[in-house]
Amino acid sequence: MFGDKKTSKSIPAGAIECLVGERMNIVGDVRFAGSFIVEGRIKGTVIAEESGDAVLKLYERGQIEGQVQVPQAEIHGEMLGDVVSEKLILGSTARVRGNLYYRVLEMAAGAQVNGQMVHQEEPRKQLAGPEAEAS
């Protein structure tokens, strides 16, 4: 499952550090480093640590409702919110309702985006986090 190169080309075998299972729901913000696979649901902001090598993979049945800020994201499921990523891959089953801020974009036929797609040289600085809103 995890080491299958056909389903996880961008994630090296054995490098998964966190998995949200299909029957799991998380309400609240998530900060992570390394590889993060989402098969369940998250309602909240998902932010990668500043290390620069973090990868988020949202599987076909997975859903994230909230902002996402990661160096690399691979979306095959439902994304309800803005995504800020250096490298963004949208699979054929991706359904996005929100704006995409990216430096490199790969989009398969069949992917759906309802929002703006904005190329940025420095996309990680595009969205303000909760700290900026309080100021």
N, C-alpha and C. Protein backbone atom coordinates (compact mmCIF):
# COMPACT_ATOMS: atom_id res chain seq x y z
N MET A 1 0.81 -1.19 0.00
CA MET A 1 0.00 0.00 0.00
C MET A 1 0.86 1.26 0.00
N PHE A 2 1.75 1.41 1.01
CA PHE A 2 2.52 2.63 1.11
C PHE A 2 3.73 2.64 0.17
N GLY A 3 4.32 1.49 -0.10
CA GLY A 3 5.50 1.43 -0.93
C GLY A 3 5.18 1.23 -2.40
N ASP A 4 3.91 1.21 -2.78
CA ASP A 4 3.51 0.98 -4.17
C ASP A 4 3.88 2.19 -5.02
N LYS A 5 4.83 2.03 -5.90
CA LYS A 5 5.31 3.15 -6.71
C LYS A 5 4.27 3.65 -7.71
N LYS A 6 3.27 2.85 -8.04
CA LYS A 6 2.24 3.28 -8.98
C LYS A 6 1.35 4.36 -8.38
N THR A 7 1.07 4.31 -7.08
CA THR A 7 0.16 5.27 -6.46
C THR A 7 0.87 6.40 -5.73
N SER A 8 2.16 6.28 -5.47
CA SER A 8 2.84 7.33 -4.72
C SER A 8 4.20 7.65 -5.35
N LYS A 9 4.19 8.07 -6.58
CA LYS A 9 5.43 8.36 -7.29
C LYS A 9 6.24 9.45 -6.60
N SER A 10 5.58 10.48 -6.07
CA SER A 10 6.31 11.60 -5.52
C SER A 10 6.77 11.39 -4.09
N ILE A 11 6.32 10.32 -3.43
CA ILE A 11 6.68 10.07 -2.05
C ILE A 11 7.55 8.82 -1.97
N PRO A 12 8.79 8.94 -1.51
CA PRO A 12 9.66 7.78 -1.42
C PRO A 12 9.09 6.72 -0.47
N ALA A 13 9.34 5.45 -0.76
CA ALA A 13 8.86 4.35 0.07
C ALA A 13 9.41 4.49 1.48
N GLY A 14 8.55 4.26 2.46
CA GLY A 14 8.97 4.33 3.86
C GLY A 14 9.07 5.72 4.43
N ALA A 15 8.73 6.77 3.67
CA ALA A 15 8.90 8.13 4.13
C ALA A 15 7.63 8.75 4.70
N ILE A 16 6.55 7.99 4.82
CA ILE A 16 5.29 8.52 5.33
C ILE A 16 5.41 8.73 6.83
N GLU A 17 5.15 9.95 7.27
CA GLU A 17 5.27 10.27 8.67
C GLU A 17 3.92 10.45 9.35
N CYS A 18 2.86 10.68 8.57
CA CYS A 18 1.54 10.84 9.16
C CYS A 18 0.48 10.41 8.15
N LEU A 19 -0.55 9.73 8.66
CA LEU A 19 -1.64 9.25 7.82
C LEU A 19 -2.95 9.52 8.52
N VAL A 20 -3.86 10.20 7.83
CA VAL A 20 -5.22 10.39 8.33
C VAL A 20 -6.05 9.37 7.59
N GLY A 21 -6.49 8.33 8.29
CA GLY A 21 -7.22 7.23 7.68
C GLY A 21 -8.59 7.62 7.16
N GLU A 22 -9.14 6.75 6.34
CA GLU A 22 -10.40 7.00 5.65
C GLU A 22 -11.56 7.29 6.61
N ARG A 23 -11.58 6.68 7.78
CA ARG A 23 -12.68 6.88 8.72
C ARG A 23 -12.35 7.90 9.80
N MET A 24 -11.32 8.68 9.57
CA MET A 24 -10.87 9.65 10.56
C MET A 24 -11.29 11.06 10.19
N ASN A 25 -11.72 11.84 11.18
CA ASN A 25 -12.06 13.26 11.00
C ASN A 25 -11.23 14.08 11.98
N ILE A 26 -10.63 15.14 11.48
CA ILE A 26 -9.87 16.05 12.33
C ILE A 26 -10.49 17.43 12.19
N VAL A 27 -10.80 18.05 13.34
CA VAL A 27 -11.29 19.42 13.35
C VAL A 27 -10.25 20.24 14.10
N GLY A 28 -9.60 21.14 13.39
CA GLY A 28 -8.55 21.95 13.98
C GLY A 28 -7.38 22.06 13.02
N ASP A 29 -6.46 22.94 13.34
CA ASP A 29 -5.31 23.18 12.48
C ASP A 29 -4.28 22.08 12.64
N VAL A 30 -3.59 21.79 11.53
CA VAL A 30 -2.57 20.73 11.51
C VAL A 30 -1.27 21.32 10.99
N ARG A 31 -0.19 21.09 11.74
CA ARG A 31 1.17 21.44 11.29
C ARG A 31 1.93 20.13 11.17
N PHE A 32 2.69 20.00 10.08
CA PHE A 32 3.42 18.75 9.88
C PHE A 32 4.73 18.98 9.19
N ALA A 33 5.58 17.97 9.23
CA ALA A 33 6.84 17.94 8.49
C ALA A 33 6.93 16.57 7.84
N GLY A 34 7.65 16.47 6.76
CA GLY A 34 7.78 15.19 6.07
C GLY A 34 6.58 14.91 5.18
N SER A 35 6.15 13.66 5.12
CA SER A 35 5.04 13.25 4.26
C SER A 35 3.76 13.11 5.06
N PHE A 36 2.68 13.63 4.52
CA PHE A 36 1.38 13.61 5.18
C PHE A 36 0.33 13.14 4.18
N ILE A 37 -0.29 12.00 4.45
CA ILE A 37 -1.30 11.44 3.55
C ILE A 37 -2.67 11.58 4.21
N VAL A 38 -3.63 12.09 3.44
CA VAL A 38 -4.98 12.29 3.95
C VAL A 38 -5.95 11.46 3.14
N GLU A 39 -6.56 10.48 3.80
CA GLU A 39 -7.61 9.67 3.20
C GLU A 39 -8.96 10.00 3.84
N GLY A 40 -8.93 10.66 4.99
CA GLY A 40 -10.14 11.05 5.72
C GLY A 40 -10.46 12.51 5.50
N ARG A 41 -10.97 13.17 6.56
CA ARG A 41 -11.38 14.57 6.45
C ARG A 41 -10.67 15.45 7.47
N ILE A 42 -10.31 16.64 7.02
CA ILE A 42 -9.72 17.64 7.90
C ILE A 42 -10.49 18.93 7.69
N LYS A 43 -10.91 19.54 8.81
CA LYS A 43 -11.55 20.86 8.76
C LYS A 43 -10.66 21.79 9.56
N GLY A 44 -9.85 22.58 8.86
CA GLY A 44 -8.90 23.47 9.49
C GLY A 44 -7.74 23.74 8.56
N THR A 45 -6.83 24.57 9.00
CA THR A 45 -5.66 24.94 8.21
C THR A 45 -4.61 23.82 8.29
N VAL A 46 -4.00 23.52 7.14
CA VAL A 46 -2.93 22.52 7.08
C VAL A 46 -1.67 23.24 6.61
N ILE A 47 -0.67 23.26 7.46
CA ILE A 47 0.56 24.00 7.16
C ILE A 47 1.77 23.10 7.39
N ALA A 48 2.68 23.10 6.43
CA ALA A 48 3.93 22.35 6.57
C ALA A 48 4.96 23.21 7.30
N GLU A 49 5.83 22.56 8.04
CA GLU A 49 6.93 23.26 8.69
C GLU A 49 7.83 23.86 7.61
N GLU A 50 8.65 24.79 8.00
CA GLU A 50 9.48 25.55 7.06
C GLU A 50 10.63 24.77 6.44
N SER A 51 10.78 23.48 6.73
CA SER A 51 11.92 22.70 6.25
C SER A 51 12.01 22.64 4.73
N GLY A 52 10.88 22.77 4.04
CA GLY A 52 10.91 22.83 2.58
C GLY A 52 10.76 21.49 1.88
N ASP A 53 10.81 20.37 2.59
CA ASP A 53 10.71 19.07 1.92
C ASP A 53 9.39 18.36 2.23
N ALA A 54 8.44 19.05 2.82
CA ALA A 54 7.17 18.43 3.20
C ALA A 54 6.29 18.17 1.98
N VAL A 55 5.53 17.06 2.04
CA VAL A 55 4.64 16.65 0.95
C VAL A 55 3.27 16.32 1.54
N LEU A 56 2.23 16.89 0.93
CA LEU A 56 0.86 16.55 1.30
C LEU A 56 0.23 15.81 0.14
N LYS A 57 -0.37 14.66 0.44
CA LYS A 57 -1.07 13.91 -0.60
C LYS A 57 -2.50 13.68 -0.13
N LEU A 58 -3.46 14.27 -0.84
CA LEU A 58 -4.87 14.13 -0.54
C LEU A 58 -5.46 13.09 -1.47
N TYR A 59 -5.83 11.94 -0.90
CA TYR A 59 -6.34 10.83 -1.71
C TYR A 59 -7.76 11.11 -2.21
N GLU A 60 -8.21 10.27 -3.11
CA GLU A 60 -9.47 10.46 -3.82
C GLU A 60 -10.68 10.63 -2.89
N ARG A 61 -10.76 9.87 -1.81
CA ARG A 61 -11.89 9.97 -0.89
C ARG A 61 -11.65 10.98 0.23
N GLY A 62 -10.47 11.58 0.25
CA GLY A 62 -10.14 12.53 1.29
C GLY A 62 -10.71 13.91 1.01
N GLN A 63 -10.83 14.70 2.09
CA GLN A 63 -11.35 16.06 1.96
C GLN A 63 -10.64 16.97 2.96
N ILE A 64 -10.26 18.16 2.49
CA ILE A 64 -9.72 19.19 3.38
C ILE A 64 -10.56 20.43 3.18
N GLU A 65 -11.05 20.97 4.30
CA GLU A 65 -11.81 22.22 4.27
C GLU A 65 -11.01 23.25 5.06
N GLY A 66 -10.33 24.13 4.36
CA GLY A 66 -9.49 25.14 4.98
C GLY A 66 -8.29 25.44 4.10
N GLN A 67 -7.45 26.35 4.54
CA GLN A 67 -6.26 26.72 3.79
C GLN A 67 -5.19 25.64 3.90
N VAL A 68 -4.42 25.51 2.82
CA VAL A 68 -3.29 24.59 2.81
C VAL A 68 -2.06 25.35 2.34
N GLN A 69 -0.96 25.24 3.08
CA GLN A 69 0.31 25.86 2.71
C GLN A 69 1.40 24.81 2.85
N VAL A 70 1.88 24.31 1.71
CA VAL A 70 2.88 23.24 1.70
C VAL A 70 3.84 23.44 0.53
N PRO A 71 5.08 22.95 0.65
CA PRO A 71 6.01 23.03 -0.48
C PRO A 71 5.54 22.20 -1.68
N GLN A 72 4.98 21.00 -1.40
CA GLN A 72 4.51 20.14 -2.48
C GLN A 72 3.19 19.51 -2.08
N ALA A 73 2.20 19.58 -3.00
CA ALA A 73 0.90 18.98 -2.74
C ALA A 73 0.45 18.18 -3.96
N GLU A 74 -0.14 17.03 -3.68
CA GLU A 74 -0.70 16.18 -4.72
C GLU A 74 -2.16 15.94 -4.33
N ILE A 75 -3.09 16.46 -5.12
CA ILE A 75 -4.50 16.42 -4.76
C ILE A 75 -5.25 15.51 -5.72
N HIS A 76 -5.93 14.53 -5.13
CA HIS A 76 -6.79 13.62 -5.89
C HIS A 76 -8.21 13.65 -5.34
N GLY A 77 -8.40 14.28 -4.19
CA GLY A 77 -9.70 14.34 -3.53
C GLY A 77 -10.31 15.71 -3.59
N GLU A 78 -11.08 16.06 -2.53
CA GLU A 78 -11.83 17.32 -2.51
C GLU A 78 -11.12 18.34 -1.62
N MET A 79 -10.86 19.50 -2.18
CA MET A 79 -10.20 20.59 -1.47
C MET A 79 -11.16 21.78 -1.45
N LEU A 80 -11.54 22.23 -0.25
CA LEU A 80 -12.44 23.36 -0.09
C LEU A 80 -11.68 24.48 0.60
N GLY A 81 -10.95 25.25 -0.17
CA GLY A 81 -10.15 26.33 0.39
C GLY A 81 -8.95 26.59 -0.51
N ASP A 82 -8.20 27.62 -0.16
CA ASP A 82 -7.04 28.02 -0.96
C ASP A 82 -5.86 27.10 -0.70
N VAL A 83 -5.06 26.92 -1.76
CA VAL A 83 -3.85 26.10 -1.67
C VAL A 83 -2.66 26.96 -2.11
N VAL A 84 -1.62 26.96 -1.30
CA VAL A 84 -0.37 27.65 -1.63
C VAL A 84 0.72 26.59 -1.64
N SER A 85 1.36 26.40 -2.80
CA SER A 85 2.34 25.33 -2.93
C SER A 85 3.38 25.66 -3.99
N GLU A 86 4.62 25.28 -3.71
CA GLU A 86 5.68 25.43 -4.72
C GLU A 86 5.38 24.55 -5.93
N LYS A 87 5.08 23.27 -5.66
CA LYS A 87 4.75 22.31 -6.71
C LYS A 87 3.39 21.71 -6.39
N LEU A 88 2.46 21.86 -7.32
CA LEU A 88 1.09 21.41 -7.12
C LEU A 88 0.71 20.44 -8.22
N ILE A 89 0.27 19.25 -7.83
CA ILE A 89 -0.16 18.23 -8.78
C ILE A 89 -1.64 17.98 -8.54
N LEU A 90 -2.45 18.13 -9.58
CA LEU A 90 -3.88 17.85 -9.50
C LEU A 90 -4.16 16.61 -10.33
N GLY A 91 -4.62 15.55 -9.67
CA GLY A 91 -4.96 14.31 -10.35
C GLY A 91 -6.30 14.43 -11.05
N SER A 92 -6.65 13.43 -11.82
CA SER A 92 -7.88 13.47 -12.62
C SER A 92 -9.14 13.49 -11.77
N THR A 93 -9.06 13.08 -10.50
CA THR A 93 -10.24 13.08 -9.63
C THR A 93 -10.24 14.27 -8.66
N ALA A 94 -9.33 15.21 -8.81
CA ALA A 94 -9.25 16.38 -7.93
C ALA A 94 -10.46 17.29 -8.13
N ARG A 95 -11.01 17.77 -7.00
CA ARG A 95 -12.11 18.72 -7.02
C ARG A 95 -11.72 19.84 -6.07
N VAL A 96 -11.43 21.02 -6.63
CA VAL A 96 -10.95 22.14 -5.82
C VAL A 96 -11.93 23.30 -5.92
N ARG A 97 -12.37 23.79 -4.76
CA ARG A 97 -13.15 25.03 -4.68
C ARG A 97 -12.33 26.00 -3.85
N GLY A 98 -11.55 26.78 -4.52
CA GLY A 98 -10.66 27.72 -3.87
C GLY A 98 -9.58 28.16 -4.84
N ASN A 99 -8.79 29.12 -4.44
CA ASN A 99 -7.72 29.64 -5.28
C ASN A 99 -6.46 28.80 -5.12
N LEU A 100 -5.71 28.68 -6.20
CA LEU A 100 -4.46 27.94 -6.21
C LEU A 100 -3.31 28.91 -6.47
N TYR A 101 -2.34 28.95 -5.59
CA TYR A 101 -1.14 29.77 -5.74
C TYR A 101 0.03 28.79 -5.84
N TYR A 102 0.74 28.82 -6.94
CA TYR A 102 1.74 27.79 -7.21
C TYR A 102 2.91 28.37 -7.98
N ARG A 103 4.00 27.62 -8.00
CA ARG A 103 5.13 27.95 -8.87
C ARG A 103 5.17 26.97 -10.03
N VAL A 104 4.93 25.68 -9.75
CA VAL A 104 4.88 24.65 -10.78
C VAL A 104 3.54 23.93 -10.63
N LEU A 105 2.81 23.78 -11.74
CA LEU A 105 1.50 23.13 -11.71
C LEU A 105 1.44 22.01 -12.73
N GLU A 106 0.98 20.84 -12.28
CA GLU A 106 0.72 19.71 -13.17
C GLU A 106 -0.74 19.33 -12.96
N MET A 107 -1.52 19.33 -14.05
CA MET A 107 -2.96 19.10 -13.93
C MET A 107 -3.40 18.04 -14.92
N ALA A 108 -4.01 16.97 -14.43
CA ALA A 108 -4.48 15.89 -15.29
C ALA A 108 -5.85 16.23 -15.85
N ALA A 109 -6.16 15.64 -17.00
CA ALA A 109 -7.48 15.81 -17.60
C ALA A 109 -8.52 15.26 -16.64
N GLY A 110 -9.59 16.02 -16.43
CA GLY A 110 -10.66 15.62 -15.52
C GLY A 110 -10.63 16.35 -14.20
N ALA A 111 -9.49 16.95 -13.82
CA ALA A 111 -9.41 17.71 -12.58
C ALA A 111 -10.32 18.93 -12.68
N GLN A 112 -10.99 19.26 -11.57
CA GLN A 112 -11.92 20.39 -11.55
C GLN A 112 -11.42 21.45 -10.59
N VAL A 113 -11.38 22.71 -11.07
CA VAL A 113 -10.97 23.83 -10.23
C VAL A 113 -12.00 24.93 -10.36
N ASN A 114 -12.58 25.32 -9.23
CA ASN A 114 -13.51 26.44 -9.20
C ASN A 114 -12.85 27.52 -8.35
N GLY A 115 -12.07 28.37 -9.00
CA GLY A 115 -11.30 29.40 -8.33
C GLY A 115 -10.21 29.89 -9.25
N GLN A 116 -9.41 30.81 -8.77
CA GLN A 116 -8.32 31.35 -9.58
C GLN A 116 -7.09 30.45 -9.47
N MET A 117 -6.35 30.39 -10.57
CA MET A 117 -5.07 29.69 -10.59
C MET A 117 -4.01 30.76 -10.84
N VAL A 118 -3.17 31.02 -9.83
CA VAL A 118 -2.24 32.14 -9.87
C VAL A 118 -0.81 31.64 -9.77
N HIS A 119 -0.03 31.89 -10.82
CA HIS A 119 1.40 31.53 -10.80
C HIS A 119 2.14 32.57 -9.96
N GLN A 120 2.95 32.11 -9.04
CA GLN A 120 3.72 32.99 -8.16
C GLN A 120 5.15 32.48 -8.07
N GLU A 121 6.11 33.38 -8.08
CA GLU A 121 7.50 32.98 -7.87
C GLU A 121 7.73 32.60 -6.40
N GLU A 122 7.02 33.25 -5.49
CA GLU A 122 7.12 32.96 -4.05
C GLU A 122 5.73 32.67 -3.49
N PRO A 123 5.11 31.55 -3.85
CA PRO A 123 3.73 31.31 -3.45
C PRO A 123 3.50 31.13 -1.96
N ARG A 124 4.49 30.71 -1.19
CA ARG A 124 4.28 30.48 0.24
C ARG A 124 4.01 31.76 1.00
N LYS A 125 4.30 32.91 0.41
CA LYS A 125 4.06 34.18 1.07
C LYS A 125 2.71 34.79 0.66
N GLN A 126 1.95 34.09 -0.16
CA GLN A 126 0.72 34.64 -0.72
C GLN A 126 -0.39 34.78 0.32
N LEU A 127 -0.63 33.77 1.13
CA LEU A 127 -1.73 33.80 2.08
C LEU A 127 -1.25 34.25 3.44
N ALA A 128 -2.08 35.03 4.10
CA ALA A 128 -1.79 35.45 5.47
C ALA A 128 -2.33 34.40 6.41
N GLY A 129 -1.56 34.05 7.40
CA GLY A 129 -2.01 33.07 8.38
C GLY A 129 -2.88 33.71 9.44
N PRO A 130 -3.36 32.94 10.39
CA PRO A 130 -4.23 33.48 11.46
C PRO A 130 -3.56 34.58 12.27
N GLU A 131 -2.22 34.54 12.40
CA GLU A 131 -1.51 35.57 13.15
C GLU A 131 -1.65 36.93 12.47
N ALA A 132 -1.60 36.96 11.12
CA ALA A 132 -1.68 38.22 10.38
C ALA A 132 -3.07 38.82 10.47
N GLU A 133 -4.11 37.98 10.57
CA GLU A 133 -5.47 38.48 10.65
C GLU A 133 -5.72 39.17 11.99
N ALA A 134 -5.01 38.75 13.04
CA ALA A 134 -5.20 39.33 14.38
C ALA A 134 -4.57 40.70 14.49
N SER A 135 -3.64 41.03 13.61
CA SER A 135 -2.95 42.32 13.67
C SER A 135 -3.82 43.46 13.23
